[in-house]
């Protein structure tokens, strides 16, 4: 009989979820230790600030533990929690920032060919932290859509529903965010190249 290597973890996760559903403080603490670093990264990508991200993480886990009794053990529990952290982050952005979405014909948002050509090679040479820093320099609206679509895998339709905007707005903002990021990468590439020459 073949043994499923994931089974011990899954059964431990199931027991922890059940304990959290009984409001067991030790189980909640263990869950927080298991997932806080990963979800802090998610919150940071949306907030662009570690202090705000920490606040969002705390608020997100309060929501997770307040709603955990509704989890039906169907689908990924981590995915269920991740959606709560993302929704908490989006709610914060909606409340504290004017995301400034402008409806533009997405066919007009064409990437600069030079910037796009430099983008991939620069990305290969960059550390993950450098890429996150570049994304965090984008305006909140661009950063939010870029994170939701390119990193979290939401569709244009899902993002439109989440942000209460038209789908064409999401498409245009995503392409404009990519354009802005490509220009930042091109600038970064020139700086790195100049440093290597010096």
N, C-alpha and C. Protein backbone atom coordinates (compact mmCIF):
# COMPACT_ATOMS: atom_id res chain seq x y z
N UNK A 1 0.84 -1.19 0.00
CA UNK A 1 0.00 0.00 0.00
C UNK A 1 0.88 1.25 0.00
N UNK A 2 0.59 2.16 -0.94
CA UNK A 2 1.38 3.38 -1.07
C UNK A 2 0.97 4.38 0.00
N UNK A 3 1.98 4.98 0.66
CA UNK A 3 1.70 5.95 1.73
C UNK A 3 1.75 7.36 1.15
N UNK A 4 0.74 8.13 1.44
CA UNK A 4 0.69 9.52 1.01
C UNK A 4 1.54 10.35 1.97
N UNK A 5 2.63 10.94 1.43
CA UNK A 5 3.55 11.71 2.27
C UNK A 5 2.88 12.96 2.84
N UNK A 6 1.85 13.47 2.16
CA UNK A 6 1.18 14.68 2.62
C UNK A 6 0.13 14.40 3.71
N UNK A 7 -0.21 13.16 3.90
CA UNK A 7 -1.28 12.82 4.83
C UNK A 7 -1.05 13.28 6.26
N UNK A 8 0.17 13.09 6.82
CA UNK A 8 0.38 13.55 8.21
C UNK A 8 0.14 15.05 8.34
N UNK A 9 0.63 15.84 7.38
CA UNK A 9 0.43 17.29 7.43
C UNK A 9 -1.05 17.62 7.31
N UNK A 10 -1.73 16.98 6.35
CA UNK A 10 -3.14 17.27 6.13
C UNK A 10 -3.97 16.95 7.37
N UNK A 11 -3.68 15.81 8.02
CA UNK A 11 -4.45 15.46 9.20
C UNK A 11 -4.15 16.44 10.34
N UNK A 12 -2.89 16.89 10.44
CA UNK A 12 -2.54 17.88 11.45
C UNK A 12 -3.27 19.19 11.16
N UNK A 13 -3.29 19.60 9.89
CA UNK A 13 -3.99 20.82 9.50
C UNK A 13 -5.48 20.72 9.83
N UNK A 14 -6.07 19.56 9.52
CA UNK A 14 -7.49 19.36 9.81
C UNK A 14 -7.77 19.47 11.30
N UNK A 15 -6.90 18.87 12.11
CA UNK A 15 -7.08 18.94 13.56
C UNK A 15 -6.93 20.37 14.07
N UNK A 16 -5.98 21.10 13.49
CA UNK A 16 -5.79 22.49 13.88
C UNK A 16 -7.01 23.34 13.52
N UNK A 17 -7.56 23.10 12.32
CA UNK A 17 -8.75 23.84 11.90
C UNK A 17 -9.91 23.57 12.86
N UNK A 18 -10.10 22.29 13.18
CA UNK A 18 -11.19 21.93 14.10
C UNK A 18 -10.98 22.56 15.47
N UNK A 19 -9.73 22.60 15.92
CA UNK A 19 -9.44 23.22 17.21
C UNK A 19 -9.71 24.73 17.16
N UNK A 20 -9.35 25.35 16.03
CA UNK A 20 -9.62 26.79 15.86
C UNK A 20 -11.13 27.04 15.81
N UNK A 21 -11.87 26.12 15.23
CA UNK A 21 -13.33 26.26 15.19
C UNK A 21 -13.93 26.19 16.60
N UNK A 22 -13.18 25.54 17.52
CA UNK A 22 -13.61 25.49 18.93
C UNK A 22 -13.02 26.67 19.72
N UNK A 23 -12.39 27.61 19.01
CA UNK A 23 -11.79 28.82 19.59
C UNK A 23 -10.61 28.50 20.52
N UNK A 24 -9.87 27.44 20.16
CA UNK A 24 -8.69 27.04 20.92
C UNK A 24 -7.55 28.04 20.65
N UNK A 25 -7.13 28.75 21.67
CA UNK A 25 -6.12 29.81 21.52
C UNK A 25 -4.75 29.25 21.09
N UNK A 26 -4.37 28.09 21.61
CA UNK A 26 -3.09 27.49 21.23
C UNK A 26 -3.08 27.10 19.75
N UNK A 27 -4.19 26.57 19.27
CA UNK A 27 -4.30 26.21 17.85
C UNK A 27 -4.24 27.46 16.99
N UNK A 28 -4.90 28.53 17.42
CA UNK A 28 -4.87 29.78 16.67
C UNK A 28 -3.44 30.32 16.61
N UNK A 29 -2.74 30.24 17.73
CA UNK A 29 -1.36 30.70 17.77
C UNK A 29 -0.47 29.89 16.83
N UNK A 30 -0.69 28.57 16.79
CA UNK A 30 0.11 27.71 15.91
C UNK A 30 -0.19 28.02 14.45
N UNK A 31 -1.46 28.25 14.13
CA UNK A 31 -1.81 28.61 12.75
C UNK A 31 -1.15 29.92 12.35
N UNK A 32 -1.17 30.88 13.27
CA UNK A 32 -0.56 32.17 12.98
C UNK A 32 0.93 31.99 12.69
N UNK A 33 1.62 31.17 13.51
CA UNK A 33 3.05 30.91 13.29
C UNK A 33 3.30 30.24 11.94
N UNK A 34 2.41 29.33 11.56
CA UNK A 34 2.56 28.60 10.29
C UNK A 34 2.44 29.50 9.07
N UNK A 35 1.50 30.45 9.11
CA UNK A 35 1.15 31.20 7.91
C UNK A 35 1.47 32.69 7.93
N UNK A 36 1.87 33.23 9.07
CA UNK A 36 2.02 34.69 9.16
C UNK A 36 3.08 35.25 8.21
N UNK A 37 4.22 34.58 8.09
CA UNK A 37 5.28 35.11 7.21
C UNK A 37 4.82 35.15 5.76
N UNK A 38 4.19 34.08 5.31
CA UNK A 38 3.70 34.02 3.93
C UNK A 38 2.65 35.09 3.66
N UNK A 39 1.71 35.25 4.58
CA UNK A 39 0.63 36.20 4.37
C UNK A 39 1.06 37.65 4.62
N UNK A 40 2.11 37.83 5.42
CA UNK A 40 2.67 39.17 5.56
C UNK A 40 3.20 39.63 4.21
N UNK A 41 3.83 38.71 3.48
CA UNK A 41 4.33 39.03 2.13
C UNK A 41 3.20 39.43 1.19
N UNK A 42 2.07 38.73 1.29
CA UNK A 42 0.91 39.05 0.46
C UNK A 42 0.40 40.45 0.79
N UNK A 43 0.22 40.72 2.09
CA UNK A 43 -0.28 42.04 2.51
C UNK A 43 0.69 43.15 2.12
N UNK A 44 1.98 42.87 2.23
CA UNK A 44 2.99 43.89 1.89
C UNK A 44 2.95 44.25 0.41
N UNK A 45 2.73 43.26 -0.45
CA UNK A 45 2.67 43.54 -1.88
C UNK A 45 1.54 44.50 -2.22
N UNK A 46 0.45 44.43 -1.47
CA UNK A 46 -0.66 45.35 -1.71
C UNK A 46 -0.45 46.69 -1.02
N UNK A 47 0.04 46.66 0.22
CA UNK A 47 0.16 47.88 1.02
C UNK A 47 1.39 48.70 0.65
N UNK A 48 2.49 48.00 0.33
CA UNK A 48 3.74 48.70 0.01
C UNK A 48 4.42 49.30 1.23
N UNK A 49 3.99 48.89 2.43
CA UNK A 49 4.52 49.43 3.68
C UNK A 49 4.42 48.33 4.74
N UNK A 50 5.54 48.04 5.42
CA UNK A 50 5.55 46.92 6.37
C UNK A 50 4.67 47.16 7.59
N UNK A 51 4.61 48.40 8.08
CA UNK A 51 3.76 48.68 9.23
C UNK A 51 2.29 48.45 8.90
N UNK A 52 1.88 48.96 7.73
CA UNK A 52 0.49 48.75 7.28
C UNK A 52 0.24 47.27 7.03
N UNK A 53 1.22 46.59 6.40
CA UNK A 53 1.08 45.17 6.12
C UNK A 53 0.89 44.36 7.40
N UNK A 54 1.62 44.71 8.45
CA UNK A 54 1.47 44.03 9.75
C UNK A 54 0.07 44.23 10.31
N UNK A 55 -0.44 45.46 10.19
CA UNK A 55 -1.82 45.74 10.65
C UNK A 55 -2.83 44.92 9.84
N UNK A 56 -2.62 44.86 8.53
CA UNK A 56 -3.52 44.08 7.67
C UNK A 56 -3.46 42.59 7.99
N UNK A 57 -2.25 42.11 8.30
CA UNK A 57 -2.09 40.71 8.69
C UNK A 57 -2.88 40.40 9.95
N UNK A 58 -2.76 41.27 10.95
CA UNK A 58 -3.49 41.07 12.21
C UNK A 58 -5.01 41.09 11.96
N UNK A 59 -5.45 42.10 11.20
CA UNK A 59 -6.88 42.20 10.91
C UNK A 59 -7.37 41.00 10.10
N UNK A 60 -6.54 40.57 9.15
CA UNK A 60 -6.90 39.40 8.33
C UNK A 60 -7.06 38.15 9.17
N UNK A 61 -6.14 37.93 10.13
CA UNK A 61 -6.25 36.73 10.97
C UNK A 61 -7.43 36.80 11.93
N UNK A 62 -7.77 38.00 12.37
CA UNK A 62 -8.98 38.13 13.19
C UNK A 62 -10.20 37.69 12.38
N UNK A 63 -10.24 38.12 11.12
CA UNK A 63 -11.35 37.73 10.24
C UNK A 63 -11.35 36.22 9.96
N UNK A 64 -10.15 35.67 9.78
CA UNK A 64 -10.03 34.22 9.56
C UNK A 64 -10.60 33.46 10.75
N UNK A 65 -10.17 33.82 11.96
CA UNK A 65 -10.63 33.09 13.14
C UNK A 65 -12.10 33.35 13.45
N UNK A 66 -12.61 34.54 13.09
CA UNK A 66 -14.03 34.83 13.28
C UNK A 66 -14.94 34.07 12.31
N UNK A 67 -14.35 33.66 11.17
CA UNK A 67 -15.15 32.99 10.13
C UNK A 67 -14.77 31.53 9.90
N UNK A 68 -13.82 31.03 10.67
CA UNK A 68 -13.30 29.69 10.42
C UNK A 68 -14.37 28.59 10.59
N UNK A 69 -15.39 28.86 11.41
CA UNK A 69 -16.44 27.86 11.59
C UNK A 69 -17.25 27.64 10.30
N UNK A 70 -17.14 28.59 9.35
CA UNK A 70 -17.86 28.45 8.08
C UNK A 70 -17.06 27.63 7.05
N UNK A 71 -15.78 27.37 7.35
CA UNK A 71 -14.97 26.59 6.42
C UNK A 71 -15.48 25.15 6.40
N UNK A 72 -15.77 24.63 5.21
CA UNK A 72 -16.41 23.32 5.06
C UNK A 72 -15.44 22.19 4.67
N UNK A 73 -14.13 22.43 4.76
CA UNK A 73 -13.12 21.42 4.41
C UNK A 73 -13.22 21.01 2.95
N UNK A 74 -13.57 21.97 2.11
CA UNK A 74 -13.60 21.75 0.67
C UNK A 74 -12.65 22.75 0.03
N UNK A 75 -11.76 22.26 -0.79
CA UNK A 75 -10.77 23.14 -1.40
C UNK A 75 -9.63 23.42 -0.43
N UNK A 76 -8.70 24.23 -0.90
CA UNK A 76 -7.51 24.54 -0.11
C UNK A 76 -7.83 25.52 1.02
N UNK A 77 -7.47 25.12 2.23
CA UNK A 77 -7.67 26.01 3.38
C UNK A 77 -6.74 27.22 3.26
N UNK A 78 -5.52 26.99 2.80
CA UNK A 78 -4.58 28.10 2.61
C UNK A 78 -5.14 29.10 1.59
N UNK A 79 -5.75 28.58 0.52
CA UNK A 79 -6.37 29.45 -0.48
C UNK A 79 -7.52 30.26 0.10
N UNK A 80 -8.31 29.62 0.98
CA UNK A 80 -9.43 30.28 1.64
C UNK A 80 -8.91 31.44 2.51
N UNK A 81 -7.84 31.17 3.27
CA UNK A 81 -7.24 32.21 4.11
C UNK A 81 -6.64 33.32 3.27
N UNK A 82 -5.98 32.95 2.19
CA UNK A 82 -5.34 33.93 1.32
C UNK A 82 -6.35 34.93 0.77
N UNK A 83 -7.54 34.42 0.37
CA UNK A 83 -8.58 35.32 -0.14
C UNK A 83 -9.01 36.33 0.93
N UNK A 84 -9.06 35.89 2.18
CA UNK A 84 -9.43 36.80 3.26
C UNK A 84 -8.36 37.88 3.44
N UNK A 85 -7.09 37.51 3.39
CA UNK A 85 -5.99 38.48 3.51
C UNK A 85 -6.05 39.46 2.35
N UNK A 86 -6.27 38.96 1.14
CA UNK A 86 -6.35 39.84 -0.04
C UNK A 86 -7.54 40.79 0.08
N UNK A 87 -8.71 40.27 0.47
CA UNK A 87 -9.89 41.12 0.62
C UNK A 87 -9.68 42.18 1.70
N UNK A 88 -9.01 41.80 2.77
CA UNK A 88 -8.70 42.76 3.84
C UNK A 88 -7.80 43.87 3.29
N UNK A 89 -6.81 43.49 2.49
CA UNK A 89 -5.89 44.47 1.89
C UNK A 89 -6.63 45.39 0.92
N UNK A 90 -7.50 44.81 0.09
CA UNK A 90 -8.26 45.60 -0.89
C UNK A 90 -9.18 46.59 -0.17
N UNK A 91 -9.84 46.12 0.88
CA UNK A 91 -10.73 47.01 1.64
C UNK A 91 -9.95 48.19 2.23
N UNK A 92 -8.75 47.91 2.71
CA UNK A 92 -7.90 48.99 3.24
C UNK A 92 -7.58 50.00 2.14
N UNK A 93 -7.17 49.50 0.98
CA UNK A 93 -6.80 50.39 -0.13
C UNK A 93 -7.98 51.23 -0.58
N UNK A 94 -9.16 50.61 -0.65
CA UNK A 94 -10.36 51.35 -1.06
C UNK A 94 -10.68 52.46 -0.06
N UNK A 95 -10.46 52.18 1.21
CA UNK A 95 -10.81 53.14 2.26
C UNK A 95 -9.79 54.29 2.35
N UNK A 96 -8.51 53.98 2.18
CA UNK A 96 -7.47 54.97 2.44
C UNK A 96 -6.84 55.61 1.19
N UNK A 97 -7.11 55.07 0.02
CA UNK A 97 -6.53 55.63 -1.20
C UNK A 97 -7.61 55.82 -2.24
N UNK A 98 -7.46 56.87 -3.01
CA UNK A 98 -8.27 56.98 -4.22
C UNK A 98 -7.45 56.25 -5.27
N UNK A 99 -7.90 55.08 -5.67
CA UNK A 99 -7.08 54.25 -6.55
C UNK A 99 -6.91 54.89 -7.93
N UNK A 100 -7.79 55.82 -8.29
CA UNK A 100 -7.56 56.62 -9.49
C UNK A 100 -7.60 55.86 -10.79
N UNK A 101 -8.55 54.95 -10.93
CA UNK A 101 -8.66 54.23 -12.19
C UNK A 101 -9.25 55.12 -13.26
N UNK A 102 -8.62 55.13 -14.41
CA UNK A 102 -9.14 55.88 -15.54
C UNK A 102 -9.48 54.89 -16.64
N UNK A 103 -10.66 55.06 -17.25
CA UNK A 103 -11.03 54.17 -18.34
C UNK A 103 -10.32 54.61 -19.61
N UNK A 104 -9.47 53.73 -20.10
CA UNK A 104 -8.73 53.99 -21.32
C UNK A 104 -8.91 52.77 -22.21
N UNK A 105 -9.01 52.99 -23.51
CA UNK A 105 -9.12 51.87 -24.43
C UNK A 105 -7.85 51.04 -24.29
N UNK A 106 -7.98 49.79 -23.86
CA UNK A 106 -6.80 48.98 -23.56
C UNK A 106 -5.94 48.75 -24.79
N UNK A 107 -6.52 48.91 -26.00
CA UNK A 107 -5.72 48.73 -27.21
C UNK A 107 -4.72 49.86 -27.38
N UNK A 108 -4.98 51.00 -26.70
CA UNK A 108 -4.05 52.13 -26.78
C UNK A 108 -2.88 51.97 -25.83
N UNK A 109 -3.04 51.11 -24.83
CA UNK A 109 -1.98 50.93 -23.83
C UNK A 109 -0.97 49.91 -24.33
N UNK A 110 -0.12 50.35 -25.25
CA UNK A 110 0.85 49.46 -25.89
C UNK A 110 2.19 49.63 -25.21
N UNK A 111 2.83 48.53 -24.91
CA UNK A 111 4.13 48.59 -24.24
C UNK A 111 5.19 49.19 -25.16
N UNK A 112 6.08 49.97 -24.58
CA UNK A 112 7.22 50.48 -25.31
C UNK A 112 8.13 49.31 -25.66
N UNK A 113 8.41 49.13 -26.96
CA UNK A 113 9.16 47.95 -27.42
C UNK A 113 10.54 47.85 -26.80
N UNK A 114 11.20 49.00 -26.64
CA UNK A 114 12.54 48.98 -26.05
C UNK A 114 12.49 48.53 -24.60
N UNK A 115 11.54 49.10 -23.87
CA UNK A 115 11.41 48.74 -22.46
C UNK A 115 11.07 47.29 -22.29
N UNK A 116 10.16 46.79 -23.14
CA UNK A 116 9.75 45.39 -23.05
C UNK A 116 10.93 44.47 -23.36
N UNK A 117 11.75 44.88 -24.32
CA UNK A 117 12.90 44.06 -24.71
C UNK A 117 13.90 43.94 -23.57
N UNK A 118 14.07 45.01 -22.79
CA UNK A 118 15.02 44.99 -21.68
C UNK A 118 14.47 44.30 -20.45
N UNK A 119 13.14 44.29 -20.31
CA UNK A 119 12.49 43.79 -19.12
C UNK A 119 12.92 42.40 -18.68
N UNK A 120 12.74 41.35 -19.52
CA UNK A 120 13.03 39.98 -19.06
C UNK A 120 14.47 39.77 -18.62
N UNK A 121 15.46 40.35 -19.36
CA UNK A 121 16.85 40.12 -18.99
C UNK A 121 17.15 40.78 -17.64
N UNK A 122 16.56 41.94 -17.40
CA UNK A 122 16.77 42.61 -16.13
C UNK A 122 16.15 41.80 -15.00
N UNK A 123 14.95 41.27 -15.24
CA UNK A 123 14.27 40.48 -14.22
C UNK A 123 15.11 39.28 -13.81
N UNK A 124 15.77 38.65 -14.77
CA UNK A 124 16.58 37.47 -14.47
C UNK A 124 17.74 37.82 -13.55
N UNK A 125 18.27 39.05 -13.68
CA UNK A 125 19.42 39.46 -12.89
C UNK A 125 19.04 40.07 -11.54
N UNK A 126 17.74 40.32 -11.34
CA UNK A 126 17.30 41.01 -10.14
C UNK A 126 16.88 40.04 -9.05
N UNK A 127 17.08 40.46 -7.80
CA UNK A 127 16.60 39.70 -6.66
C UNK A 127 15.11 39.96 -6.49
N UNK A 128 14.42 39.02 -5.87
CA UNK A 128 12.98 39.14 -5.64
C UNK A 128 12.64 40.44 -4.91
N UNK A 129 13.46 40.79 -3.91
CA UNK A 129 13.21 42.01 -3.12
C UNK A 129 13.26 43.25 -4.00
N UNK A 130 14.19 43.25 -5.00
CA UNK A 130 14.31 44.39 -5.90
C UNK A 130 13.06 44.54 -6.77
N UNK A 131 12.54 43.41 -7.23
CA UNK A 131 11.33 43.44 -8.05
C UNK A 131 10.15 43.96 -7.24
N UNK A 132 10.01 43.46 -6.00
CA UNK A 132 8.93 43.92 -5.12
C UNK A 132 9.06 45.42 -4.88
N UNK A 133 10.29 45.90 -4.67
CA UNK A 133 10.50 47.34 -4.46
C UNK A 133 10.07 48.14 -5.68
N UNK A 134 10.39 47.66 -6.87
CA UNK A 134 9.97 48.35 -8.10
C UNK A 134 8.45 48.39 -8.21
N UNK A 135 7.80 47.25 -7.95
CA UNK A 135 6.34 47.19 -8.01
C UNK A 135 5.74 48.15 -6.99
N UNK A 136 6.36 48.26 -5.82
CA UNK A 136 5.84 49.13 -4.77
C UNK A 136 5.97 50.62 -5.09
N UNK A 137 6.77 50.97 -6.12
CA UNK A 137 6.86 52.37 -6.52
C UNK A 137 5.70 52.77 -7.43
N UNK A 138 4.95 51.77 -7.91
CA UNK A 138 3.80 52.07 -8.76
C UNK A 138 2.69 52.70 -7.93
N UNK A 139 1.84 53.53 -8.56
CA UNK A 139 0.67 54.05 -7.84
C UNK A 139 -0.19 52.90 -7.33
N UNK A 140 -0.94 53.11 -6.23
CA UNK A 140 -1.72 52.02 -5.61
C UNK A 140 -2.65 51.28 -6.57
N UNK A 141 -3.29 52.01 -7.49
CA UNK A 141 -4.20 51.36 -8.44
C UNK A 141 -3.49 50.38 -9.35
N UNK A 142 -2.37 50.83 -9.93
CA UNK A 142 -1.57 49.96 -10.79
C UNK A 142 -1.05 48.76 -10.01
N UNK A 143 -0.51 49.05 -8.82
CA UNK A 143 0.08 47.98 -7.99
C UNK A 143 -0.97 46.93 -7.63
N UNK A 144 -2.17 47.40 -7.30
CA UNK A 144 -3.25 46.48 -6.90
C UNK A 144 -3.63 45.56 -8.04
N UNK A 145 -3.84 46.11 -9.21
CA UNK A 145 -4.25 45.29 -10.36
C UNK A 145 -3.13 44.37 -10.80
N UNK A 146 -1.90 44.85 -10.78
CA UNK A 146 -0.76 44.01 -11.15
C UNK A 146 -0.64 42.82 -10.20
N UNK A 147 -0.79 43.07 -8.90
CA UNK A 147 -0.73 41.99 -7.91
C UNK A 147 -1.87 40.99 -8.11
N UNK A 148 -3.09 41.50 -8.30
CA UNK A 148 -4.24 40.61 -8.43
C UNK A 148 -4.15 39.75 -9.69
N UNK A 149 -3.76 40.36 -10.81
CA UNK A 149 -3.77 39.62 -12.07
C UNK A 149 -2.50 38.78 -12.28
N UNK A 150 -1.34 39.43 -12.18
CA UNK A 150 -0.09 38.75 -12.53
C UNK A 150 0.42 37.81 -11.44
N UNK A 151 0.14 38.13 -10.18
CA UNK A 151 0.69 37.32 -9.09
C UNK A 151 -0.35 36.40 -8.47
N UNK A 152 -1.54 36.95 -8.17
CA UNK A 152 -2.57 36.14 -7.51
C UNK A 152 -3.42 35.32 -8.49
N UNK A 153 -3.37 35.65 -9.78
CA UNK A 153 -4.07 34.84 -10.79
C UNK A 153 -5.55 35.12 -10.93
N UNK A 154 -6.00 36.27 -10.44
CA UNK A 154 -7.41 36.65 -10.64
C UNK A 154 -7.64 37.00 -12.10
N UNK A 155 -8.84 36.75 -12.60
CA UNK A 155 -9.18 37.14 -13.97
C UNK A 155 -9.57 38.61 -13.99
N UNK A 156 -9.60 39.20 -15.19
CA UNK A 156 -10.05 40.59 -15.32
C UNK A 156 -11.45 40.76 -14.75
N UNK A 157 -12.31 39.78 -15.03
CA UNK A 157 -13.70 39.84 -14.55
C UNK A 157 -13.75 39.82 -13.02
N UNK A 158 -12.98 38.93 -12.40
CA UNK A 158 -12.95 38.83 -10.93
C UNK A 158 -12.43 40.13 -10.30
N UNK A 159 -11.40 40.70 -10.92
CA UNK A 159 -10.83 41.95 -10.39
C UNK A 159 -11.85 43.08 -10.52
N UNK A 160 -12.55 43.13 -11.65
CA UNK A 160 -13.57 44.16 -11.86
C UNK A 160 -14.64 44.09 -10.77
N UNK A 161 -15.07 42.87 -10.44
CA UNK A 161 -16.08 42.70 -9.39
C UNK A 161 -15.53 43.11 -8.02
N UNK A 162 -14.28 42.73 -7.76
CA UNK A 162 -13.65 43.01 -6.47
C UNK A 162 -13.45 44.51 -6.25
N UNK A 163 -13.11 45.23 -7.33
CA UNK A 163 -12.79 46.66 -7.22
C UNK A 163 -13.96 47.57 -7.62
N UNK A 164 -15.08 46.97 -8.03
CA UNK A 164 -16.25 47.75 -8.46
C UNK A 164 -15.94 48.68 -9.62
N UNK A 165 -15.25 48.14 -10.62
CA UNK A 165 -14.95 48.91 -11.83
C UNK A 165 -15.30 48.07 -13.04
N UNK A 166 -15.27 48.69 -14.22
CA UNK A 166 -15.55 47.96 -15.46
C UNK A 166 -14.37 47.08 -15.84
N UNK A 167 -14.66 45.98 -16.52
CA UNK A 167 -13.60 45.06 -16.93
C UNK A 167 -12.60 45.74 -17.86
N UNK A 168 -13.09 46.61 -18.75
CA UNK A 168 -12.18 47.30 -19.68
C UNK A 168 -11.22 48.20 -18.91
N UNK A 169 -11.68 48.73 -17.77
CA UNK A 169 -10.81 49.55 -16.91
C UNK A 169 -9.69 48.70 -16.33
N UNK A 170 -10.03 47.49 -15.89
CA UNK A 170 -9.02 46.58 -15.35
C UNK A 170 -7.98 46.25 -16.42
N UNK A 171 -8.46 45.94 -17.62
CA UNK A 171 -7.54 45.60 -18.73
C UNK A 171 -6.59 46.77 -19.02
N UNK A 172 -7.15 47.96 -19.13
CA UNK A 172 -6.32 49.13 -19.47
C UNK A 172 -5.33 49.42 -18.36
N UNK A 173 -5.78 49.35 -17.10
CA UNK A 173 -4.90 49.65 -15.98
C UNK A 173 -3.79 48.61 -15.86
N UNK A 174 -4.11 47.35 -16.14
CA UNK A 174 -3.08 46.30 -16.09
C UNK A 174 -2.02 46.56 -17.15
N UNK A 175 -2.45 46.87 -18.36
CA UNK A 175 -1.48 47.12 -19.43
C UNK A 175 -0.66 48.38 -19.15
N UNK A 176 -1.29 49.39 -18.58
CA UNK A 176 -0.55 50.61 -18.23
C UNK A 176 0.42 50.34 -17.08
N UNK A 177 0.02 49.50 -16.14
CA UNK A 177 0.92 49.12 -15.05
C UNK A 177 2.14 48.38 -15.59
N UNK A 178 1.90 47.47 -16.53
CA UNK A 178 3.01 46.74 -17.17
C UNK A 178 3.93 47.70 -17.90
N UNK A 179 3.32 48.69 -18.57
CA UNK A 179 4.11 49.67 -19.30
C UNK A 179 4.99 50.46 -18.34
N UNK A 180 4.39 50.92 -17.24
CA UNK A 180 5.14 51.69 -16.25
C UNK A 180 6.26 50.84 -15.65
N UNK A 181 5.96 49.58 -15.34
CA UNK A 181 6.97 48.68 -14.76
C UNK A 181 8.10 48.43 -15.76
N UNK A 182 7.74 48.27 -17.04
CA UNK A 182 8.76 48.05 -18.07
C UNK A 182 9.70 49.25 -18.17
N UNK A 183 9.15 50.46 -18.06
CA UNK A 183 9.99 51.67 -18.10
C UNK A 183 10.90 51.75 -16.87
N UNK A 184 10.36 51.35 -15.71
CA UNK A 184 11.18 51.32 -14.50
C UNK A 184 12.31 50.30 -14.64
N UNK A 185 12.00 49.16 -15.24
CA UNK A 185 13.02 48.12 -15.46
C UNK A 185 14.09 48.62 -16.43
N UNK A 186 13.65 49.36 -17.45
CA UNK A 186 14.62 49.91 -18.42
C UNK A 186 15.56 50.89 -17.71
N UNK A 187 14.99 51.74 -16.87
CA UNK A 187 15.79 52.69 -16.12
C UNK A 187 16.76 51.97 -15.19
N UNK A 188 16.26 50.92 -14.52
CA UNK A 188 17.09 50.11 -13.63
C UNK A 188 18.23 49.45 -14.41
N UNK A 189 17.91 48.96 -15.61
CA UNK A 189 18.90 48.32 -16.47
C UNK A 189 20.01 49.29 -16.83
N UNK A 190 19.63 50.54 -17.17
CA UNK A 190 20.64 51.54 -17.53
C UNK A 190 21.53 51.86 -16.34
N UNK A 191 20.94 51.92 -15.15
CA UNK A 191 21.70 52.20 -13.93
C UNK A 191 22.68 51.07 -13.63
N UNK A 192 22.20 49.82 -13.74
CA UNK A 192 23.05 48.65 -13.50
C UNK A 192 24.18 48.61 -14.52
N UNK A 193 23.86 48.90 -15.79
CA UNK A 193 24.86 48.89 -16.85
C UNK A 193 25.92 49.96 -16.60
N UNK A 194 25.48 51.17 -16.21
CA UNK A 194 26.41 52.26 -15.92
C UNK A 194 27.30 51.91 -14.74
N UNK A 195 26.76 51.26 -13.73
CA UNK A 195 27.54 50.85 -12.55
C UNK A 195 28.61 49.83 -12.95
N UNK A 196 28.24 48.91 -13.86
CA UNK A 196 29.21 47.89 -14.28
C UNK A 196 30.37 48.51 -15.05
N UNK A 197 30.05 49.57 -15.85
CA UNK A 197 31.09 50.24 -16.62
C UNK A 197 32.05 50.97 -15.68
N UNK A 198 31.47 51.64 -14.66
CA UNK A 198 32.29 52.37 -13.68
C UNK A 198 33.10 51.38 -12.86
